[in-house]
Amino acid sequence: MLNNNRRQDLCQFSEKRLSDRAVDELIGLSRGLIADGGVNQQEAEFLSSWIKANKRHCNDPVVNTLFCRVKDMLSDGVLDDEEQKELLQLLAEFTGESIGDESPTGRLLAATLPLCSPQPEVIFQDHVFCLTGTFAFGPRTICKEVVAERGGKVSGAMTGRVDYLVVGTLCSPSWMHTSYGRKIERAAELRASGLQIHIISEDTWASAAFRGAGV
């Protein structure tokens, strides 16, 4: 017979597999919704219903944020033109798909769903940064040097000691299932637990670096 610890480990493993499967299904569903270059109200309502019905196996910070945004858009019963455009962009970011004139070459704009809004002030001195994704600013070694020159430190892992998670502008279409996506997930989880972790874009980080913020 399985002991309690082994049974708990198996349950957690099964839940993780179910969660990953649900996210995979949601990504496929979202790609189908935006395949024609638009999202109408009926499709938005279907998306909202699907996430609500699968939230037990889709307990993911990014998915939860997406669900809240869609729910807010539909709260007045009408998905207007601006909301349709916003939802199209959100789903494109969530799936890593290109829309309109964006490049389909495999290096797409990073998803922005988990970013702090509004973006916080960036202070380098005595603060810890974790970098994830591919940076348009330059190679990762250069980005680390920029942080160090301004009195900050860089952590290779996303832990509770990190003050800022910096999300690179470029990523692969499968970011949700790479170490890139896992760092974003972990940061969102730590932030939800009450830790003061800021998830910021490369643009925010680079602007502060050029200004010499916090030096």
C-alpha atoms as a PDB file:
ATOM      1  CA  MET A   1       0.000   0.000   0.000  1.00  0.00           C
ATOM      2  CA  LEU A   2       1.102   3.544  -0.658  1.00  0.00           C
ATOM      3  CA  ASN A   3       2.098   5.617   2.359  1.00  0.00           C
ATOM      4  CA  ASN A   4       0.530   9.043   2.818  1.00  0.00           C
ATOM      5  CA  ASN A   5       3.540  10.961   1.482  1.00  0.00           C
ATOM      6  CA  ARG A   6       3.729   8.822  -1.671  1.00  0.00           C
ATOM      7  CA  ARG A   7      -0.010   9.153  -2.237  1.00  0.00           C
ATOM      8  CA  GLN A   8       0.226  12.933  -1.826  1.00  0.00           C
ATOM      9  CA  ASP A   9       3.119  13.083  -4.313  1.00  0.00           C
ATOM     10  CA  LEU A  10       1.115  11.110  -6.882  1.00  0.00           C
ATOM     11  CA  CYS A  11      -1.918  13.330  -6.407  1.00  0.00           C
ATOM     12  CA  GLN A  12       0.186  16.451  -6.891  1.00  0.00           C
ATOM     13  CA  PHE A  13       1.799  14.931 -10.007  1.00  0.00           C
ATOM     14  CA  SER A  14      -1.613  14.040 -11.430  1.00  0.00           C
ATOM     15  CA  GLU A  15      -2.947  17.535 -10.754  1.00  0.00           C
ATOM     16  CA  LYS A  16       0.115  19.038 -12.454  1.00  0.00           C
ATOM     17  CA  ARG A  17      -0.424  16.873 -15.543  1.00  0.00           C
ATOM     18  CA  LEU A  18      -4.113  17.832 -15.622  1.00  0.00           C
ATOM     19  CA  SER A  19      -3.201  21.501 -15.276  1.00  0.00           C
ATOM     20  CA  ASP A  20      -0.650  21.341 -18.117  1.00  0.00           C
ATOM     21  CA  ARG A  21      -3.152  19.488 -20.288  1.00  0.00           C
ATOM     22  CA  ALA A  22      -5.823  22.116 -19.589  1.00  0.00           C
ATOM     23  CA  VAL A  23      -3.422  24.947 -20.457  1.00  0.00           C
ATOM     24  CA  ASP A  24      -2.446  23.161 -23.666  1.00  0.00           C
ATOM     25  CA  GLU A  25      -6.119  22.834 -24.572  1.00  0.00           C
ATOM     26  CA  LEU A  26      -6.758  26.483 -23.786  1.00  0.00           C
ATOM     27  CA  ILE A  27      -3.828  27.560 -25.963  1.00  0.00           C
ATOM     28  CA  GLY A  28      -5.228  25.505 -28.841  1.00  0.00           C
ATOM     29  CA  LEU A  29      -8.699  26.905 -28.277  1.00  0.00           C
ATOM     30  CA  SER A  30      -7.383  30.466 -28.184  1.00  0.00           C
ATOM     31  CA  ARG A  31      -5.416  29.956 -31.390  1.00  0.00           C
ATOM     32  CA  GLY A  32      -8.592  28.762 -33.077  1.00  0.00           C
ATOM     33  CA  LEU A  33     -10.533  31.808 -31.882  1.00  0.00           C
ATOM     34  CA  ILE A  34      -8.039  34.290 -33.322  1.00  0.00           C
ATOM     35  CA  ALA A  35      -7.261  32.365 -36.515  1.00  0.00           C
ATOM     36  CA  ASP A  36      -9.549  34.645 -38.550  1.00  0.00           C
ATOM     37  CA  GLY A  37      -7.976  37.798 -37.117  1.00  0.00           C
ATOM     38  CA  GLY A  38     -10.826  38.742 -34.792  1.00  0.00           C
ATOM     39  CA  VAL A  39     -12.836  37.738 -31.719  1.00  0.00           C
ATOM     40  CA  ASN A  40     -16.593  38.327 -31.493  1.00  0.00           C
ATOM     41  CA  GLN A  41     -18.868  38.350 -28.461  1.00  0.00           C
ATOM     42  CA  GLN A  42     -20.077  34.779 -28.905  1.00  0.00           C
ATOM     43  CA  GLU A  43     -16.482  33.547 -29.002  1.00  0.00           C
ATOM     44  CA  ALA A  44     -15.590  35.614 -25.924  1.00  0.00           C
ATOM     45  CA  GLU A  45     -18.546  34.168 -24.013  1.00  0.00           C
ATOM     46  CA  PHE A  46     -17.524  30.650 -25.030  1.00  0.00           C
ATOM     47  CA  LEU A  47     -13.937  31.325 -23.881  1.00  0.00           C
ATOM     48  CA  SER A  48     -15.144  32.662 -20.531  1.00  0.00           C
ATOM     49  CA  SER A  49     -17.424  29.650 -20.009  1.00  0.00           C
ATOM     50  CA  TRP A  50     -14.637  27.211 -20.903  1.00  0.00           C
ATOM     51  CA  ILE A  51     -12.165  28.727 -18.445  1.00  0.00           C
ATOM     52  CA  LYS A  52     -14.804  28.847 -15.692  1.00  0.00           C
ATOM     53  CA  ALA A  53     -15.700  25.188 -16.260  1.00  0.00           C
ATOM     54  CA  ASN A  54     -12.024  24.134 -16.239  1.00  0.00           C
ATOM     55  CA  LYS A  55     -10.630  26.405 -13.515  1.00  0.00           C
ATOM     56  CA  ARG A  56     -10.106  23.437 -11.190  1.00  0.00           C
ATOM     57  CA  HIS A  57      -7.541  21.996 -13.596  1.00  0.00           C
ATOM     58  CA  CYS A  58      -6.342  25.340 -14.901  1.00  0.00           C
ATOM     59  CA  ASN A  59      -5.224  27.053 -11.701  1.00  0.00           C
ATOM     60  CA  ASP A  60      -2.575  29.152 -13.412  1.00  0.00           C
ATOM     61  CA  PRO A  61      -1.846  32.840 -12.610  1.00  0.00           C
ATOM     62  CA  VAL A  62      -1.733  33.806 -16.278  1.00  0.00           C
ATOM     63  CA  VAL A  63      -4.967  31.967 -17.066  1.00  0.00           C
ATOM     64  CA  ASN A  64      -6.647  33.494 -14.005  1.00  0.00           C
ATOM     65  CA  THR A  65      -5.645  36.955 -15.205  1.00  0.00           C
ATOM     66  CA  LEU A  66      -6.999  36.220 -18.671  1.00  0.00           C
ATOM     67  CA  PHE A  67     -10.280  34.977 -17.179  1.00  0.00           C
ATOM     68  CA  CYS A  68     -10.687  38.140 -15.079  1.00  0.00           C
ATOM     69  CA  ARG A  69     -10.022  40.377 -18.094  1.00  0.00           C
ATOM     70  CA  VAL A  70     -12.569  38.538 -20.257  1.00  0.00           C
ATOM     71  CA  LYS A  71     -15.101  38.550 -17.423  1.00  0.00           C
ATOM     72  CA  ASP A  72     -14.679  42.332 -17.009  1.00  0.00           C
ATOM     73  CA  MET A  73     -15.120  42.893 -20.753  1.00  0.00           C
ATOM     74  CA  LEU A  74     -18.398  40.967 -20.716  1.00  0.00           C
ATOM     75  CA  SER A  75     -19.699  42.451 -17.463  1.00  0.00           C
ATOM     76  CA  ASP A  76     -21.990  44.924 -19.281  1.00  0.00           C
ATOM     77  CA  GLY A  77     -23.230  42.270 -21.693  1.00  0.00           C
ATOM     78  CA  VAL A  78     -21.559  43.858 -24.724  1.00  0.00           C
ATOM     79  CA  LEU A  79     -18.116  43.244 -26.209  1.00  0.00           C
ATOM     80  CA  ASP A  80     -17.550  46.536 -28.018  1.00  0.00           C
ATOM     81  CA  ASP A  81     -15.071  47.174 -30.826  1.00  0.00           C
ATOM     82  CA  GLU A  82     -12.263  48.315 -28.517  1.00  0.00           C
ATOM     83  CA  GLU A  83     -12.729  45.305 -26.250  1.00  0.00           C
ATOM     84  CA  GLN A  84     -12.691  42.992 -29.269  1.00  0.00           C
ATOM     85  CA  LYS A  85      -9.350  44.444 -30.325  1.00  0.00           C
ATOM     86  CA  GLU A  86      -7.961  44.189 -26.797  1.00  0.00           C
ATOM     87  CA  LEU A  87      -9.102  40.578 -26.430  1.00  0.00           C
ATOM     88  CA  LEU A  88      -7.565  39.683 -29.788  1.00  0.00           C
ATOM     89  CA  GLN A  89      -4.247  41.124 -28.617  1.00  0.00           C
ATOM     90  CA  LEU A  90      -4.468  39.368 -25.245  1.00  0.00           C
ATOM     91  CA  LEU A  91      -5.085  35.993 -26.863  1.00  0.00           C
ATOM     92  CA  ALA A  92      -2.274  36.570 -29.349  1.00  0.00           C
ATOM     93  CA  GLU A  93       0.069  37.326 -26.461  1.00  0.00           C
ATOM     94  CA  PHE A  94      -1.189  34.333 -24.462  1.00  0.00           C
ATOM     95  CA  THR A  95      -0.618  31.899 -27.322  1.00  0.00           C
ATOM     96  CA  GLY A  96       2.522  33.473 -28.799  1.00  0.00           C
ATOM     97  CA  GLU A  97       0.788  33.856 -32.168  1.00  0.00           C
ATOM     98  CA  SER A  98       1.407  36.762 -34.532  1.00  0.00           C
ATOM     99  CA  ILE A  99      -1.441  38.963 -35.711  1.00  0.00           C
ATOM    100  CA  GLY A 100      -1.701  41.691 -38.290  1.00  0.00           C
ATOM    101  CA  ASP A 101       1.727  42.856 -39.401  1.00  0.00           C
ATOM    102  CA  GLU A 102       3.673  41.206 -36.586  1.00  0.00           C
ATOM    103  CA  SER A 103       6.554  39.024 -37.673  1.00  0.00           C
ATOM    104  CA  PRO A 104       5.713  35.299 -37.931  1.00  0.00           C
ATOM    105  CA  THR A 105       9.351  34.292 -37.867  1.00  0.00           C
ATOM    106  CA  GLY A 106       9.215  32.544 -34.487  1.00  0.00           C
ATOM    107  CA  ARG A 107      10.449  35.377 -32.279  1.00  0.00           C
ATOM    108  CA  LEU A 108       7.358  37.217 -31.158  1.00  0.00           C
ATOM    109  CA  LEU A 109       6.472  39.915 -28.700  1.00  0.00           C
ATOM    110  CA  ALA A 110       6.504  38.627 -25.118  1.00  0.00           C
ATOM    111  CA  ALA A 111       3.199  38.016 -23.347  1.00  0.00           C
ATOM    112  CA  THR A 112       2.247  40.972 -21.142  1.00  0.00           C
ATOM    113  CA  LEU A 113      -0.558  39.463 -19.085  1.00  0.00           C
ATOM    114  CA  PRO A 114       1.344  39.031 -15.771  1.00  0.00           C
ATOM    115  CA  LEU A 115       3.126  42.412 -15.885  1.00  0.00           C
ATOM    116  CA  CYS A 116       2.489  44.890 -13.076  1.00  0.00           C
ATOM    117  CA  SER A 117       0.006  47.564 -14.080  1.00  0.00           C
ATOM    118  CA  PRO A 118       0.941  50.329 -13.827  1.00  0.00           C
ATOM    119  CA  GLN A 119       4.630  49.508 -14.137  1.00  0.00           C
ATOM    120  CA  PRO A 120       6.523  50.434 -10.935  1.00  0.00           C
ATOM    121  CA  GLU A 121       9.541  52.649 -10.471  1.00  0.00           C
ATOM    122  CA  VAL A 122      12.714  50.628 -11.011  1.00  0.00           C
ATOM    123  CA  ILE A 123      15.446  51.062  -8.393  1.00  0.00           C
ATOM    124  CA  PHE A 124      18.697  49.245  -9.068  1.00  0.00           C
ATOM    125  CA  GLN A 125      20.721  49.979  -5.944  1.00  0.00           C
ATOM    126  CA  ASP A 126      20.673  47.013  -3.524  1.00  0.00           C
ATOM    127  CA  HIS A 127      17.816  45.288  -5.364  1.00  0.00           C
ATOM    128  CA  VAL A 128      17.764  41.805  -6.905  1.00  0.00           C
ATOM    129  CA  PHE A 129      16.755  41.230 -10.532  1.00  0.00           C
ATOM    130  CA  CYS A 130      15.904  38.023 -12.354  1.00  0.00           C
ATOM    131  CA  LEU A 131      16.020  38.132 -16.154  1.00  0.00           C
ATOM    132  CA  THR A 132      13.906  35.869 -18.345  1.00  0.00           C
ATOM    133  CA  GLY A 133      13.265  35.623 -22.062  1.00  0.00           C
ATOM    134  CA  THR A 134      15.338  37.037 -24.892  1.00  0.00           C
ATOM    135  CA  PHE A 135      16.275  40.697 -24.677  1.00  0.00           C
ATOM    136  CA  ALA A 136      16.236  43.117 -27.582  1.00  0.00           C
ATOM    137  CA  PHE A 137      18.597  45.258 -25.455  1.00  0.00           C
ATOM    138  CA  GLY A 138      21.428  42.801 -26.035  1.00  0.00           C
ATOM    139  CA  PRO A 139      22.962  39.523 -24.825  1.00  0.00           C
ATOM    140  CA  ARG A 140      22.131  38.401 -21.298  1.00  0.00           C
ATOM    141  CA  THR A 141      25.707  39.069 -20.171  1.00  0.00           C
ATOM    142  CA  ILE A 142      25.369  42.729 -21.181  1.00  0.00           C
ATOM    143  CA  CYS A 143      22.048  43.033 -19.344  1.00  0.00           C
ATOM    144  CA  LYS A 144      23.636  41.593 -16.198  1.00  0.00           C
ATOM    145  CA  GLU A 145      26.471  44.099 -16.461  1.00  0.00           C
ATOM    146  CA  VAL A 146      23.954  46.956 -16.699  1.00  0.00           C
ATOM    147  CA  VAL A 147      22.320  45.812 -13.456  1.00  0.00           C
ATOM    148  CA  ALA A 148      25.663  45.415 -11.662  1.00  0.00           C
ATOM    149  CA  GLU A 149      26.938  48.807 -12.816  1.00  0.00           C
ATOM    150  CA  ARG A 150      23.885  50.419 -11.207  1.00  0.00           C
ATOM    151  CA  GLY A 151      24.325  48.690  -7.864  1.00  0.00           C
ATOM    152  CA  GLY A 152      21.920  45.806  -8.356  1.00  0.00           C
ATOM    153  CA  LYS A 153      22.337  42.037  -8.254  1.00  0.00           C
ATOM    154  CA  VAL A 154      21.139  39.351 -10.670  1.00  0.00           C
ATOM    155  CA  SER A 155      19.639  36.043  -9.545  1.00  0.00           C
ATOM    156  CA  GLY A 156      19.553  33.093 -11.913  1.00  0.00           C
ATOM    157  CA  ALA A 157      16.499  31.618 -10.190  1.00  0.00           C
ATOM    158  CA  MET A 158      13.084  33.080  -9.433  1.00  0.00           C
ATOM    159  CA  THR A 159      12.950  33.076  -5.624  1.00  0.00           C
ATOM    160  CA  GLY A 160      11.374  35.136  -2.876  1.00  0.00           C
ATOM    161  CA  ARG A 161      14.561  37.209  -2.662  1.00  0.00           C
ATOM    162  CA  VAL A 162      13.978  38.689  -6.130  1.00  0.00           C
ATOM    163  CA  ASP A 163      12.627  42.243  -6.277  1.00  0.00           C
ATOM    164  CA  TYR A 164      12.115  42.498 -10.051  1.00  0.00           C
ATOM    165  CA  LEU A 165      11.459  39.866 -12.690  1.00  0.00           C
ATOM    166  CA  VAL A 166      12.367  41.458 -16.047  1.00  0.00           C
ATOM    167  CA  VAL A 167      10.560  39.896 -19.017  1.00  0.00           C
ATOM    168  CA  GLY A 168      12.512  40.077 -22.274  1.00  0.00           C
ATOM    169  CA  THR A 169      10.714  41.507 -25.285  1.00  0.00           C
ATOM    170  CA  LEU A 170      11.305  38.452 -27.484  1.00  0.00           C
ATOM    171  CA  CYS A 171      10.264  34.870 -26.879  1.00  0.00           C
ATOM    172  CA  SER A 172       9.267  31.687 -28.656  1.00  0.00           C
ATOM    173  CA  PRO A 173       5.615  30.857 -29.397  1.00  0.00           C
ATOM    174  CA  SER A 174       5.709  28.082 -26.773  1.00  0.00           C
ATOM    175  CA  TRP A 175       6.797  30.375 -23.921  1.00  0.00           C
ATOM    176  CA  MET A 176       4.178  28.936 -21.525  1.00  0.00           C
ATOM    177  CA  HIS A 177       6.065  25.613 -21.476  1.00  0.00           C
ATOM    178  CA  THR A 178       9.649  26.830 -21.248  1.00  0.00           C
ATOM    179  CA  SER A 179      11.778  27.950 -18.300  1.00  0.00           C
ATOM    180  CA  TYR A 180      10.861  31.463 -19.448  1.00  0.00           C
ATOM    181  CA  GLY A 181       7.178  30.803 -18.801  1.00  0.00           C
ATOM    182  CA  ARG A 182       7.829  28.923 -15.580  1.00  0.00           C
ATOM    183  CA  LYS A 183       9.715  31.890 -14.124  1.00  0.00           C
ATOM    184  CA  ILE A 184       6.776  34.159 -14.921  1.00  0.00           C
ATOM    185  CA  GLU A 185       4.390  31.660 -13.326  1.00  0.00           C
ATOM    186  CA  ARG A 186       6.571  31.401 -10.225  1.00  0.00           C
ATOM    187  CA  ALA A 187       6.848  35.177  -9.882  1.00  0.00           C
ATOM    188  CA  ALA A 188       3.069  35.562 -10.199  1.00  0.00           C
ATOM    189  CA  GLU A 189       2.551  32.881  -7.542  1.00  0.00           C
ATOM    190  CA  LEU A 190       5.010  34.530  -5.134  1.00  0.00           C
ATOM    191  CA  ARG A 191       3.402  37.908  -5.741  1.00  0.00           C
ATOM    192  CA  ALA A 192      -0.051  36.440  -5.076  1.00  0.00           C
ATOM    193  CA  SER A 193       1.248  35.038  -1.763  1.00  0.00           C
ATOM    194  CA  GLY A 194       2.010  38.591  -0.615  1.00  0.00           C
ATOM    195  CA  LEU A 195       5.663  39.053  -1.540  1.00  0.00           C
ATOM    196  CA  GLN A 196       6.637  42.390  -3.076  1.00  0.00           C
ATOM    197  CA  ILE A 197       7.806  41.090  -6.436  1.00  0.00           C
ATOM    198  CA  HIS A 198       7.515  43.371  -9.460  1.00  0.00           C
ATOM    199  CA  ILE A 199       7.072  41.778 -12.896  1.00  0.00           C
ATOM    200  CA  ILE A 200       8.249  44.354 -15.400  1.00  0.00           C
ATOM    201  CA  SER A 201       8.819  44.591 -19.132  1.00  0.00           C
ATOM    202  CA  GLU A 202      12.187  44.969 -20.789  1.00  0.00           C
ATOM    203  CA  ASP A 203      11.089  48.429 -21.962  1.00  0.00           C
ATOM    204  CA  THR A 204      10.476  49.562 -18.372  1.00  0.00           C
ATOM    205  CA  TRP A 205      13.792  48.106 -17.230  1.00  0.00           C
ATOM    206  CA  ALA A 206      15.738  49.614 -20.150  1.00  0.00           C
ATOM    207  CA  SER A 207      14.171  53.071 -19.694  1.00  0.00           C
ATOM    208  CA  ALA A 208      15.228  53.066 -16.038  1.00  0.00           C
ATOM    209  CA  ALA A 209      18.710  51.882 -16.993  1.00  0.00           C
ATOM    210  CA  PHE A 210      19.139  54.727 -19.482  1.00  0.00           C
ATOM    211  CA  ARG A 211      17.914  57.242 -16.931  1.00  0.00           C
ATOM    212  CA  GLY A 212      20.217  55.799 -14.302  1.00  0.00           C
ATOM    213  CA  ALA A 213      17.244  55.331 -11.977  1.00  0.00           C
ATOM    214  CA  GLY A 214      18.077  54.593  -8.386  1.00  0.00           C
ATOM    215  CA  VAL A 215      21.778  55.283  -8.792  1.00  0.00           C
END
